[in-house]
Amino acid sequence: MTKSEQLRLWAWRVRVIREGASSPRNIAPTCRRFGISRQAFYRWKRRFDAQGDAGLWDRSSRPKRSPTATPREVVSKILYLRQHYHFGPGKIADYLRRFHQQSLAVSSVHRILLRHGMNRLPANQKHRAHAKRWQRYEKAQPGFRLQLDVKFLERIPGSQKRFYQFTAIDDCTRLRVLKVYDACNQGTAIRFIDDVRRRLPFRIRVVQTDNGAEFQTRFHGHLESLGIQHAYIRPRTPHLNGKVERSHRIDDQEFYQLLDKGGITDDIHLFNEKLREWEDYYNYHRPHGGLDGQTPYERLVAKMRANSSPAS
């Protein structure tokens, strides 16, 4: 009911009560004239006597008790995830199911966000339509292609050093290896890929990078000596390294935005400890939207089981 309709209904009820007050001993003619029952008239009159004209407005039809309503603590978790991490309803439902054992429909999460005015993301988080939609793809087996890139970190206030995050992500499982260095050159890239080979539980067949200076001749030759193919993406096409680029945006939103940078100033070892905690959370606990809510480790286990089944 619109506000104008509510106002007309309220004015009509005021008129009924006032006309009924002119002949309080016989309200039957008034009731017949306005087409209402005596019970309705006396109900409105009691409200009018107690609250005046304000008592004739429609009252809320919301029940006093809602046993099946979403608990307040769950609503608080939903609003927290939305406000601090800008998660959508689907990802919030995944988090509640995985970490809080709360099974909530995506539509229910959306209604809660709508009720609290948080259904729209901030302007810098809104979806932007693309002139051309890129088709999502992934390799069939772990290790068939590894996307590698460098994230240039903002200089921490008070620090004299510039840090660089090297990132490797498996195209199939989305398993990631992260490490921060205070230099960005081919020597650093070689040390990083050696570390990646030790830490990933499968053989790497192809490494895909952009055309950065840190991925040139020495790095290329090192990969060939290890029996790993090195593939360059075309210049000015970062979308071809889309998985690692997207993971860097997740780092900004869910790690660096909440990181207490004052505690790691100039201490690269402490920085890497914090980054390793985030890497473990990403690989083993964080539900991934591109994996239908699985974690990268769960996807790896599923792929390994499928490969070892008799049917394969």
C-alpha atoms as a PDB file:
ATOM      1  CA  MET A   1       0.000   0.000   0.000  1.00  0.00           C
ATOM      2  CA  THR A   2       1.387   3.407  -0.995  1.00  0.00           C
ATOM      3  CA  LYS A   3       1.659   6.329   1.398  1.00  0.00           C
ATOM      4  CA  SER A   4      -1.171   8.190  -0.348  1.00  0.00           C
ATOM      5  CA  GLU A   5      -3.418   5.125  -0.010  1.00  0.00           C
ATOM      6  CA  GLN A   6      -2.542   4.829   3.685  1.00  0.00           C
ATOM      7  CA  LEU A   7      -3.355   8.529   4.168  1.00  0.00           C
ATOM      8  CA  ARG A   8      -6.766   8.146   2.485  1.00  0.00           C
ATOM      9  CA  LEU A   9      -7.581   5.100   4.624  1.00  0.00           C
ATOM     10  CA  TRP A  10      -6.567   6.938   7.815  1.00  0.00           C
ATOM     11  CA  ALA A  11      -8.711   9.964   6.891  1.00  0.00           C
ATOM     12  CA  TRP A  12     -11.686   7.665   6.193  1.00  0.00           C
ATOM     13  CA  ARG A  13     -11.358   6.009   9.598  1.00  0.00           C
ATOM     14  CA  VAL A  14     -11.179   9.398  11.330  1.00  0.00           C
ATOM     15  CA  ARG A  15     -14.384  10.373   9.572  1.00  0.00           C
ATOM     16  CA  VAL A  16     -16.114   7.135  10.663  1.00  0.00           C
ATOM     17  CA  ILE A  17     -15.122   7.613  14.303  1.00  0.00           C
ATOM     18  CA  ARG A  18     -16.162  11.255  14.387  1.00  0.00           C
ATOM     19  CA  GLU A  19     -19.555  10.554  12.816  1.00  0.00           C
ATOM     20  CA  GLY A  20     -20.085   7.670  15.221  1.00  0.00           C
ATOM     21  CA  ALA A  21     -19.287   9.968  18.136  1.00  0.00           C
ATOM     22  CA  SER A  22     -22.274  12.187  17.200  1.00  0.00           C
ATOM     23  CA  SER A  23     -24.681   9.363  18.164  1.00  0.00           C
ATOM     24  CA  PRO A  24     -22.782   7.169  20.639  1.00  0.00           C
ATOM     25  CA  ARG A  25     -25.880   5.290  21.806  1.00  0.00           C
ATOM     26  CA  ASN A  26     -26.731   3.978  18.330  1.00  0.00           C
ATOM     27  CA  ILE A  27     -23.793   3.406  16.001  1.00  0.00           C
ATOM     28  CA  ALA A  28     -25.667   0.948  13.764  1.00  0.00           C
ATOM     29  CA  PRO A  29     -26.640   3.594  11.156  1.00  0.00           C
ATOM     30  CA  THR A  30     -23.015   4.763  10.976  1.00  0.00           C
ATOM     31  CA  CYS A  31     -21.803   1.211  10.463  1.00  0.00           C
ATOM     32  CA  ARG A  32     -24.391   0.557   7.750  1.00  0.00           C
ATOM     33  CA  ARG A  33     -23.510   3.800   5.988  1.00  0.00           C
ATOM     34  CA  PHE A  34     -19.773   3.047   5.833  1.00  0.00           C
ATOM     35  CA  GLY A  35     -20.163  -0.692   5.314  1.00  0.00           C
ATOM     36  CA  ILE A  36     -18.258  -1.883   8.385  1.00  0.00           C
ATOM     37  CA  SER A  37     -19.065  -4.172  11.279  1.00  0.00           C
ATOM     38  CA  ARG A  38     -19.645  -3.004  14.849  1.00  0.00           C
ATOM     39  CA  GLN A  39     -16.598  -5.004  15.946  1.00  0.00           C
ATOM     40  CA  ALA A  40     -14.399  -3.020  13.545  1.00  0.00           C
ATOM     41  CA  PHE A  41     -15.911   0.285  14.697  1.00  0.00           C
ATOM     42  CA  TYR A  42     -15.312  -0.417  18.387  1.00  0.00           C
ATOM     43  CA  ARG A  43     -11.785  -1.708  17.695  1.00  0.00           C
ATOM     44  CA  TRP A  44     -10.886   1.568  15.976  1.00  0.00           C
ATOM     45  CA  LYS A  45     -12.653   3.544  18.712  1.00  0.00           C
ATOM     46  CA  ARG A  46     -10.565   1.885  21.437  1.00  0.00           C
ATOM     47  CA  ARG A  47      -7.404   2.737  19.557  1.00  0.00           C
ATOM     48  CA  PHE A  48      -8.686   6.289  18.982  1.00  0.00           C
ATOM     49  CA  ASP A  49      -9.513   6.766  22.696  1.00  0.00           C
ATOM     50  CA  ALA A  50      -6.059   5.508  23.709  1.00  0.00           C
ATOM     51  CA  GLN A  51      -3.858   7.228  21.112  1.00  0.00           C
ATOM     52  CA  GLY A  52      -5.993   9.831  19.340  1.00  0.00           C
ATOM     53  CA  ASP A  53      -5.817  10.193  15.573  1.00  0.00           C
ATOM     54  CA  ALA A  54      -2.442   8.370  15.480  1.00  0.00           C
ATOM     55  CA  GLY A  55      -4.150   5.191  16.680  1.00  0.00           C
ATOM     56  CA  LEU A  56      -6.077   4.886  13.402  1.00  0.00           C
ATOM     57  CA  TRP A  57      -2.982   4.282  11.236  1.00  0.00           C
ATOM     58  CA  ASP A  58      -2.418   0.707  10.073  1.00  0.00           C
ATOM     59  CA  ARG A  59      -0.287  -1.276  12.480  1.00  0.00           C
ATOM     60  CA  SER A  60       2.571  -3.556  11.476  1.00  0.00           C
ATOM     61  CA  SER A  61       1.483  -7.080  10.584  1.00  0.00           C
ATOM     62  CA  ARG A  62       4.866  -8.454  11.622  1.00  0.00           C
ATOM     63  CA  PRO A  63       4.471 -11.314  14.140  1.00  0.00           C
ATOM     64  CA  LYS A  64       5.744 -10.829  17.686  1.00  0.00           C
ATOM     65  CA  ARG A  65       7.730 -14.068  17.429  1.00  0.00           C
ATOM     66  CA  SER A  66       9.480 -15.593  14.410  1.00  0.00           C
ATOM     67  CA  PRO A  67      10.906 -18.988  15.450  1.00  0.00           C
ATOM     68  CA  THR A  68      12.300 -19.711  11.981  1.00  0.00           C
ATOM     69  CA  ALA A  69      13.941 -16.301  11.481  1.00  0.00           C
ATOM     70  CA  THR A  70      17.698 -16.153  10.845  1.00  0.00           C
ATOM     71  CA  PRO A  71      19.497 -15.774  14.218  1.00  0.00           C
ATOM     72  CA  ARG A  72      20.931 -12.344  14.989  1.00  0.00           C
ATOM     73  CA  GLU A  73      24.483 -13.642  15.288  1.00  0.00           C
ATOM     74  CA  VAL A  74      24.256 -15.094  11.766  1.00  0.00           C
ATOM     75  CA  VAL A  75      22.894 -11.793  10.429  1.00  0.00           C
ATOM     76  CA  SER A  76      25.840 -10.018  12.092  1.00  0.00           C
ATOM     77  CA  LYS A  77      28.300 -12.362  10.343  1.00  0.00           C
ATOM     78  CA  ILE A  78      26.602 -11.725   6.991  1.00  0.00           C
ATOM     79  CA  LEU A  79      26.817  -7.944   7.418  1.00  0.00           C
ATOM     80  CA  TYR A  80      30.456  -8.175   8.580  1.00  0.00           C
ATOM     81  CA  LEU A  81      31.522 -10.181   5.526  1.00  0.00           C
ATOM     82  CA  ARG A  82      29.690  -7.762   3.250  1.00  0.00           C
ATOM     83  CA  GLN A  83      31.071  -4.611   4.851  1.00  0.00           C
ATOM     84  CA  HIS A  84      34.701  -5.667   5.233  1.00  0.00           C
ATOM     85  CA  TYR A  85      35.222  -8.078   2.313  1.00  0.00           C
ATOM     86  CA  HIS A  86      32.472  -6.999  -0.151  1.00  0.00           C
ATOM     87  CA  PHE A  87      31.434 -10.638  -0.619  1.00  0.00           C
ATOM     88  CA  GLY A  88      28.343 -11.391  -2.694  1.00  0.00           C
ATOM     89  CA  PRO A  89      25.425 -13.513  -1.413  1.00  0.00           C
ATOM     90  CA  GLY A  90      26.794 -16.716  -2.947  1.00  0.00           C
ATOM     91  CA  LYS A  91      30.227 -16.419  -1.359  1.00  0.00           C
ATOM     92  CA  ILE A  92      28.731 -15.397   1.999  1.00  0.00           C
ATOM     93  CA  ALA A  93      26.536 -18.527   1.936  1.00  0.00           C
ATOM     94  CA  ASP A  94      29.656 -20.639   1.198  1.00  0.00           C
ATOM     95  CA  TYR A  95      31.528 -19.095   4.150  1.00  0.00           C
ATOM     96  CA  LEU A  96      28.632 -19.636   6.555  1.00  0.00           C
ATOM     97  CA  ARG A  97      28.327 -23.286   5.511  1.00  0.00           C
ATOM     98  CA  ARG A  98      32.053 -24.007   5.698  1.00  0.00           C
ATOM     99  CA  PHE A  99      33.148 -22.060   8.785  1.00  0.00           C
ATOM    100  CA  HIS A 100      29.988 -21.674  10.882  1.00  0.00           C
ATOM    101  CA  GLN A 101      27.965 -24.776   9.947  1.00  0.00           C
ATOM    102  CA  GLN A 102      25.058 -22.550   8.928  1.00  0.00           C
ATOM    103  CA  SER A 103      23.177 -23.674   5.828  1.00  0.00           C
ATOM    104  CA  LEU A 104      21.510 -20.581   4.384  1.00  0.00           C
ATOM    105  CA  ALA A 105      20.058 -20.121   0.912  1.00  0.00           C
ATOM    106  CA  VAL A 106      21.654 -17.503  -1.322  1.00  0.00           C
ATOM    107  CA  SER A 107      18.246 -15.830  -1.691  1.00  0.00           C
ATOM    108  CA  SER A 108      17.979 -15.540   2.110  1.00  0.00           C
ATOM    109  CA  VAL A 109      21.380 -13.861   2.305  1.00  0.00           C
ATOM    110  CA  HIS A 110      20.301 -11.443  -0.424  1.00  0.00           C
ATOM    111  CA  ARG A 111      17.099 -10.553   1.467  1.00  0.00           C
ATOM    112  CA  ILE A 112      19.074  -9.851   4.647  1.00  0.00           C
ATOM    113  CA  LEU A 113      21.458  -7.562   2.743  1.00  0.00           C
ATOM    114  CA  LEU A 114      18.494  -5.829   1.107  1.00  0.00           C
ATOM    115  CA  ARG A 115      16.757  -5.334   4.466  1.00  0.00           C
ATOM    116  CA  HIS A 116      19.849  -3.615   5.875  1.00  0.00           C
ATOM    117  CA  GLY A 117      20.516  -1.492   2.791  1.00  0.00           C
ATOM    118  CA  MET A 118      23.728  -3.346   1.892  1.00  0.00           C
ATOM    119  CA  ASN A 119      22.598  -5.049  -1.318  1.00  0.00           C
ATOM    120  CA  ARG A 120      24.626  -2.636  -3.481  1.00  0.00           C
ATOM    121  CA  LEU A 121      28.413  -2.679  -3.499  1.00  0.00           C
ATOM    122  CA  PRO A 122      30.544   0.477  -3.210  1.00  0.00           C
ATOM    123  CA  ALA A 123      31.189   2.209  -6.520  1.00  0.00           C
ATOM    124  CA  ASN A 124      34.740   0.832  -6.791  1.00  0.00           C
ATOM    125  CA  GLN A 125      33.468  -2.742  -6.300  1.00  0.00           C
ATOM    126  CA  LYS A 126      30.563  -2.702  -8.741  1.00  0.00           C
ATOM    127  CA  HIS A 127      30.492  -5.018 -11.725  1.00  0.00           C
ATOM    128  CA  ARG A 128      31.431  -3.310 -14.963  1.00  0.00           C
ATOM    129  CA  ALA A 129      30.064  -4.669 -18.196  1.00  0.00           C
ATOM    130  CA  HIS A 130      32.672  -5.705 -20.738  1.00  0.00           C
ATOM    131  CA  ALA A 131      32.410  -4.942 -24.413  1.00  0.00           C
ATOM    132  CA  LYS A 132      33.515  -8.516 -25.017  1.00  0.00           C
ATOM    133  CA  ARG A 133      33.090 -11.370 -22.530  1.00  0.00           C
ATOM    134  CA  TRP A 134      36.110 -13.633 -22.186  1.00  0.00           C
ATOM    135  CA  GLN A 135      35.366 -17.340 -22.001  1.00  0.00           C
ATOM    136  CA  ARG A 136      36.516 -19.040 -18.806  1.00  0.00           C
ATOM    137  CA  TYR A 137      38.850 -21.989 -19.317  1.00  0.00           C
ATOM    138  CA  GLU A 138      41.083 -24.230 -17.242  1.00  0.00           C
ATOM    139  CA  LYS A 139      43.547 -27.024 -17.873  1.00  0.00           C
ATOM    140  CA  ALA A 140      42.337 -30.545 -17.254  1.00  0.00           C
ATOM    141  CA  GLN A 141      45.205 -31.643 -14.974  1.00  0.00           C
ATOM    142  CA  PRO A 142      47.309 -30.011 -12.234  1.00  0.00           C
ATOM    143  CA  GLY A 143      50.653 -28.693 -13.427  1.00  0.00           C
ATOM    144  CA  PHE A 144      49.743 -28.517 -17.103  1.00  0.00           C
ATOM    145  CA  ARG A 145      50.038 -24.716 -16.942  1.00  0.00           C
ATOM    146  CA  LEU A 146      51.266 -22.413 -14.193  1.00  0.00           C
ATOM    147  CA  GLN A 147      50.577 -18.681 -14.429  1.00  0.00           C
ATOM    148  CA  LEU A 148      53.311 -16.547 -12.865  1.00  0.00           C
ATOM    149  CA  ASP A 149      53.376 -12.799 -12.262  1.00  0.00           C
ATOM    150  CA  VAL A 150      54.764 -10.074  -9.992  1.00  0.00           C
ATOM    151  CA  LYS A 151      52.684  -7.732  -7.852  1.00  0.00           C
ATOM    152  CA  PHE A 152      54.410  -4.414  -7.204  1.00  0.00           C
ATOM    153  CA  LEU A 153      53.518  -3.535  -3.621  1.00  0.00           C
ATOM    154  CA  GLU A 154      52.999   0.007  -2.407  1.00  0.00           C
ATOM    155  CA  ARG A 155      55.881   1.352  -0.370  1.00  0.00           C
ATOM    156  CA  ILE A 156      55.070   1.014   3.327  1.00  0.00           C
ATOM    157  CA  PRO A 157      55.193   4.419   5.108  1.00  0.00           C
ATOM    158  CA  GLY A 158      58.441   4.753   7.034  1.00  0.00           C
ATOM    159  CA  SER A 159      60.133   1.961   5.095  1.00  0.00           C
ATOM    160  CA  GLN A 160      63.222   2.442   2.945  1.00  0.00           C
ATOM    161  CA  LYS A 161      62.556  -0.703   0.896  1.00  0.00           C
ATOM    162  CA  ARG A 162      60.275  -1.587  -1.986  1.00  0.00           C
ATOM    163  CA  PHE A 163      58.769  -5.063  -1.867  1.00  0.00           C
ATOM    164  CA  TYR A 164      57.574  -7.302  -4.721  1.00  0.00           C
ATOM    165  CA  GLN A 165      55.173 -10.225  -4.399  1.00  0.00           C
ATOM    166  CA  PHE A 166      55.913 -13.111  -6.753  1.00  0.00           C
ATOM    167  CA  THR A 167      52.822 -15.250  -7.380  1.00  0.00           C
ATOM    168  CA  ALA A 168      52.385 -18.635  -9.046  1.00  0.00           C
ATOM    169  CA  ILE A 169      48.922 -20.146  -9.541  1.00  0.00           C
ATOM    170  CA  ASP A 170      48.050 -23.511 -11.032  1.00  0.00           C
ATOM    171  CA  ASP A 171      45.566 -23.146 -13.878  1.00  0.00           C
ATOM    172  CA  CYS A 172      43.618 -26.306 -12.942  1.00  0.00           C
ATOM    173  CA  THR A 173      43.397 -26.283  -9.124  1.00  0.00           C
ATOM    174  CA  ARG A 174      44.099 -22.583  -8.335  1.00  0.00           C
ATOM    175  CA  LEU A 175      46.749 -23.657  -5.801  1.00  0.00           C
ATOM    176  CA  ARG A 176      49.048 -20.707  -5.199  1.00  0.00           C
ATOM    177  CA  VAL A 177      52.605 -20.117  -4.015  1.00  0.00           C
ATOM    178  CA  LEU A 178      53.442 -16.614  -2.795  1.00  0.00           C
ATOM    179  CA  LYS A 179      56.658 -14.974  -1.692  1.00  0.00           C
ATOM    180  CA  VAL A 180      57.843 -11.399  -1.131  1.00  0.00           C
ATOM    181  CA  TYR A 181      61.280 -10.207  -2.271  1.00  0.00           C
ATOM    182  CA  ASP A 182      63.035  -6.862  -2.013  1.00  0.00           C
ATOM    183  CA  ALA A 183      64.247  -7.076  -5.625  1.00  0.00           C
ATOM    184  CA  CYS A 184      62.589  -7.805  -8.944  1.00  0.00           C
ATOM    185  CA  ASN A 185      65.006  -9.310 -11.456  1.00  0.00           C
ATOM    186  CA  GLN A 186      65.741 -12.582 -13.220  1.00  0.00           C
ATOM    187  CA  GLY A 187      67.758 -13.933 -10.303  1.00  0.00           C
ATOM    188  CA  THR A 188      64.801 -13.427  -7.984  1.00  0.00           C
ATOM    189  CA  ALA A 189      62.430 -15.046 -10.501  1.00  0.00           C
ATOM    190  CA  ILE A 190      64.738 -18.087 -10.755  1.00  0.00           C
ATOM    191  CA  ARG A 191      64.864 -18.485  -6.947  1.00  0.00           C
ATOM    192  CA  PHE A 192      61.096 -18.195  -6.811  1.00  0.00           C
ATOM    193  CA  ILE A 193      60.387 -20.832  -9.472  1.00  0.00           C
ATOM    194  CA  ASP A 194      62.791 -23.223  -7.701  1.00  0.00           C
ATOM    195  CA  ASP A 195      60.827 -22.656  -4.492  1.00  0.00           C
ATOM    196  CA  VAL A 196      57.557 -23.242  -6.350  1.00  0.00           C
ATOM    197  CA  ARG A 197      58.809 -26.600  -7.688  1.00  0.00           C
ATOM    198  CA  ARG A 198      59.693 -27.737  -4.148  1.00  0.00           C
ATOM    199  CA  ARG A 199      56.344 -26.724  -2.682  1.00  0.00           C
ATOM    200  CA  LEU A 200      53.830 -27.876  -5.287  1.00  0.00           C
ATOM    201  CA  PRO A 201      52.853 -31.569  -5.057  1.00  0.00           C
ATOM    202  CA  PHE A 202      52.841 -32.155  -8.813  1.00  0.00           C
ATOM    203  CA  ARG A 203      55.112 -31.786 -11.822  1.00  0.00           C
ATOM    204  CA  ILE A 204      55.062 -28.445 -13.659  1.00  0.00           C
ATOM    205  CA  ARG A 205      54.900 -28.781 -17.422  1.00  0.00           C
ATOM    206  CA  VAL A 206      54.379 -25.172 -18.633  1.00  0.00           C
ATOM    207  CA  VAL A 207      54.998 -21.789 -16.991  1.00  0.00           C
ATOM    208  CA  GLN A 208      53.167 -18.823 -18.501  1.00  0.00           C
ATOM    209  CA  THR A 209      54.359 -15.240 -17.867  1.00  0.00           C
ATOM    210  CA  ASP A 210      54.098 -11.780 -19.339  1.00  0.00           C
ATOM    211  CA  ASN A 211      57.049 -10.146 -21.099  1.00  0.00           C
ATOM    212  CA  GLY A 212      58.515  -8.466 -18.005  1.00  0.00           C
ATOM    213  CA  ALA A 213      62.271  -7.978 -17.708  1.00  0.00           C
ATOM    214  CA  GLU A 214      62.404 -10.486 -14.837  1.00  0.00           C
ATOM    215  CA  PHE A 215      61.199 -13.280 -17.156  1.00  0.00           C
ATOM    216  CA  GLN A 216      63.708 -12.941 -19.989  1.00  0.00           C
ATOM    217  CA  THR A 217      66.716 -14.930 -21.242  1.00  0.00           C
ATOM    218  CA  ARG A 218      68.228 -16.269 -17.990  1.00  0.00           C
ATOM    219  CA  PHE A 219      64.847 -17.214 -16.563  1.00  0.00           C
ATOM    220  CA  HIS A 220      63.751 -18.752 -19.868  1.00  0.00           C
ATOM    221  CA  GLY A 221      66.929 -20.822 -20.094  1.00  0.00           C
ATOM    222  CA  HIS A 222      66.581 -21.977 -16.480  1.00  0.00           C
ATOM    223  CA  LEU A 223      63.103 -23.341 -17.177  1.00  0.00           C
ATOM    224  CA  GLU A 224      64.298 -25.159 -20.300  1.00  0.00           C
ATOM    225  CA  SER A 225      67.118 -26.767 -18.302  1.00  0.00           C
ATOM    226  CA  LEU A 226      64.462 -28.116 -15.917  1.00  0.00           C
ATOM    227  CA  GLY A 227      62.375 -29.539 -18.751  1.00  0.00           C
ATOM    228  CA  ILE A 228      59.659 -26.938 -18.285  1.00  0.00           C
ATOM    229  CA  GLN A 229      58.188 -25.115 -21.264  1.00  0.00           C
ATOM    230  CA  HIS A 230      58.048 -21.305 -20.968  1.00  0.00           C
ATOM    231  CA  ALA A 231      55.157 -19.543 -22.728  1.00  0.00           C
ATOM    232  CA  TYR A 232      54.916 -15.740 -23.073  1.00  0.00           C
ATOM    233  CA  ILE A 233      51.527 -14.069 -23.402  1.00  0.00           C
ATOM    234  CA  ARG A 234      51.067 -11.463 -26.108  1.00  0.00           C
ATOM    235  CA  PRO A 235      52.082  -7.887 -25.159  1.00  0.00           C
ATOM    236  CA  ARG A 236      49.321  -5.752 -23.603  1.00  0.00           C
ATOM    237  CA  THR A 237      47.021  -8.738 -22.997  1.00  0.00           C
ATOM    238  CA  PRO A 238      46.929  -9.184 -19.183  1.00  0.00           C
ATOM    239  CA  HIS A 239      43.600 -11.037 -19.475  1.00  0.00           C
ATOM    240  CA  LEU A 240      45.542 -14.030 -20.815  1.00  0.00           C
ATOM    241  CA  ASN A 241      47.082 -14.256 -17.335  1.00  0.00           C
ATOM    242  CA  GLY A 242      43.639 -13.683 -15.870  1.00  0.00           C
ATOM    243  CA  LYS A 243      43.799 -16.158 -12.987  1.00  0.00           C
ATOM    244  CA  VAL A 244      46.921 -14.689 -11.430  1.00  0.00           C
ATOM    245  CA  GLU A 245      45.710 -11.122 -12.086  1.00  0.00           C
ATOM    246  CA  ARG A 246      42.388 -11.896 -10.393  1.00  0.00           C
ATOM    247  CA  SER A 247      44.175 -13.489  -7.436  1.00  0.00           C
ATOM    248  CA  HIS A 248      46.150 -10.269  -6.944  1.00  0.00           C
ATOM    249  CA  ARG A 249      42.893  -8.358  -6.633  1.00  0.00           C
ATOM    250  CA  ILE A 250      41.775 -10.851  -3.991  1.00  0.00           C
ATOM    251  CA  ASP A 251      45.060 -10.208  -2.161  1.00  0.00           C
ATOM    252  CA  ASP A 252      44.278  -6.494  -2.093  1.00  0.00           C
ATOM    253  CA  GLN A 253      40.728  -6.966  -0.828  1.00  0.00           C
ATOM    254  CA  GLU A 254      41.201  -9.769   1.689  1.00  0.00           C
ATOM    255  CA  PHE A 255      44.844  -9.539   2.819  1.00  0.00           C
ATOM    256  CA  TYR A 256      46.595  -6.220   2.281  1.00  0.00           C
ATOM    257  CA  GLN A 257      43.511  -4.158   3.113  1.00  0.00           C
ATOM    258  CA  LEU A 258      43.394  -5.769   6.584  1.00  0.00           C
ATOM    259  CA  LEU A 259      47.151  -6.170   7.151  1.00  0.00           C
ATOM    260  CA  ASP A 260      48.772  -4.190   9.961  1.00  0.00           C
ATOM    261  CA  LYS A 261      51.632  -2.841   7.871  1.00  0.00           C
ATOM    262  CA  GLY A 262      53.168  -1.030  10.836  1.00  0.00           C
ATOM    263  CA  GLY A 263      54.289  -4.356  12.288  1.00  0.00           C
ATOM    264  CA  ILE A 264      56.238  -5.537   9.239  1.00  0.00           C
ATOM    265  CA  THR A 265      58.082  -2.378   8.220  1.00  0.00           C
ATOM    266  CA  ASP A 266      61.485  -3.297   6.741  1.00  0.00           C
ATOM    267  CA  ASP A 267      61.181  -6.895   8.021  1.00  0.00           C
ATOM    268  CA  ILE A 268      60.855  -9.084   4.938  1.00  0.00           C
ATOM    269  CA  HIS A 269      60.960 -12.297   6.993  1.00  0.00           C
ATOM    270  CA  LEU A 270      57.956 -11.251   9.096  1.00  0.00           C
ATOM    271  CA  PHE A 271      56.240 -10.085   5.904  1.00  0.00           C
ATOM    272  CA  ASN A 272      56.701 -13.543   4.358  1.00  0.00           C
ATOM    273  CA  GLU A 273      55.399 -15.234   7.530  1.00  0.00           C
ATOM    274  CA  LYS A 274      52.180 -13.217   7.311  1.00  0.00           C
ATOM    275  CA  LEU A 275      51.951 -13.913   3.569  1.00  0.00           C
ATOM    276  CA  ARG A 276      52.448 -17.656   4.157  1.00  0.00           C
ATOM    277  CA  GLU A 277      49.522 -17.652   6.625  1.00  0.00           C
ATOM    278  CA  TRP A 278      47.371 -15.990   3.969  1.00  0.00           C
ATOM    279  CA  GLU A 279      48.582 -18.478   1.332  1.00  0.00           C
ATOM    280  CA  ASP A 280      47.628 -21.435   3.551  1.00  0.00           C
ATOM    281  CA  TYR A 281      44.204 -19.944   4.189  1.00  0.00           C
ATOM    282  CA  TYR A 282      43.682 -19.348   0.454  1.00  0.00           C
ATOM    283  CA  ASN A 283      44.752 -22.875  -0.519  1.00  0.00           C
ATOM    284  CA  TYR A 284      43.159 -24.931   2.244  1.00  0.00           C
ATOM    285  CA  HIS A 285      40.220 -23.017   3.726  1.00  0.00           C
ATOM    286  CA  ARG A 286      38.910 -20.265   1.456  1.00  0.00           C
ATOM    287  CA  PRO A 287      36.005 -21.370  -0.808  1.00  0.00           C
ATOM    288  CA  HIS A 288      36.751 -20.348  -4.397  1.00  0.00           C
ATOM    289  CA  GLY A 289      33.974 -18.968  -6.608  1.00  0.00           C
ATOM    290  CA  GLY A 290      35.584 -20.366  -9.764  1.00  0.00           C
ATOM    291  CA  LEU A 291      35.656 -23.868  -8.208  1.00  0.00           C
ATOM    292  CA  ASP A 292      31.970 -24.013  -7.216  1.00  0.00           C
ATOM    293  CA  GLY A 293      32.783 -23.299  -3.572  1.00  0.00           C
ATOM    294  CA  GLN A 294      35.649 -25.808  -3.289  1.00  0.00           C
ATOM    295  CA  THR A 295      39.048 -24.813  -1.947  1.00  0.00           C
ATOM    296  CA  PRO A 296      42.073 -25.257  -4.263  1.00  0.00           C
ATOM    297  CA  TYR A 297      43.259 -28.175  -2.124  1.00  0.00           C
ATOM    298  CA  GLU A 298      39.850 -29.870  -2.370  1.00  0.00           C
ATOM    299  CA  ARG A 299      39.970 -29.470  -6.145  1.00  0.00           C
ATOM    300  CA  LEU A 300      43.477 -31.007  -6.178  1.00  0.00           C
ATOM    301  CA  VAL A 301      42.286 -34.017  -4.140  1.00  0.00           C
ATOM    302  CA  ALA A 302      39.296 -34.480  -6.451  1.00  0.00           C
ATOM    303  CA  LYS A 303      41.549 -34.404  -9.537  1.00  0.00           C
ATOM    304  CA  MET A 304      44.008 -36.887  -8.019  1.00  0.00           C
ATOM    305  CA  ARG A 305      41.191 -39.274  -7.116  1.00  0.00           C
ATOM    306  CA  ALA A 306      39.740 -39.029 -10.603  1.00  0.00           C
ATOM    307  CA  ASN A 307      43.147 -39.823 -12.127  1.00  0.00           C
ATOM    308  CA  SER A 308      43.691 -42.832  -9.860  1.00  0.00           C
ATOM    309  CA  SER A 309      40.220 -44.343 -10.374  1.00  0.00           C
ATOM    310  CA  PRO A 310      40.024 -47.616 -12.418  1.00  0.00           C
ATOM    311  CA  ALA A 311      37.872 -45.884 -15.030  1.00  0.00           C
ATOM    312  CA  SER A 312      40.707 -43.505 -15.827  1.00  0.00           C
END
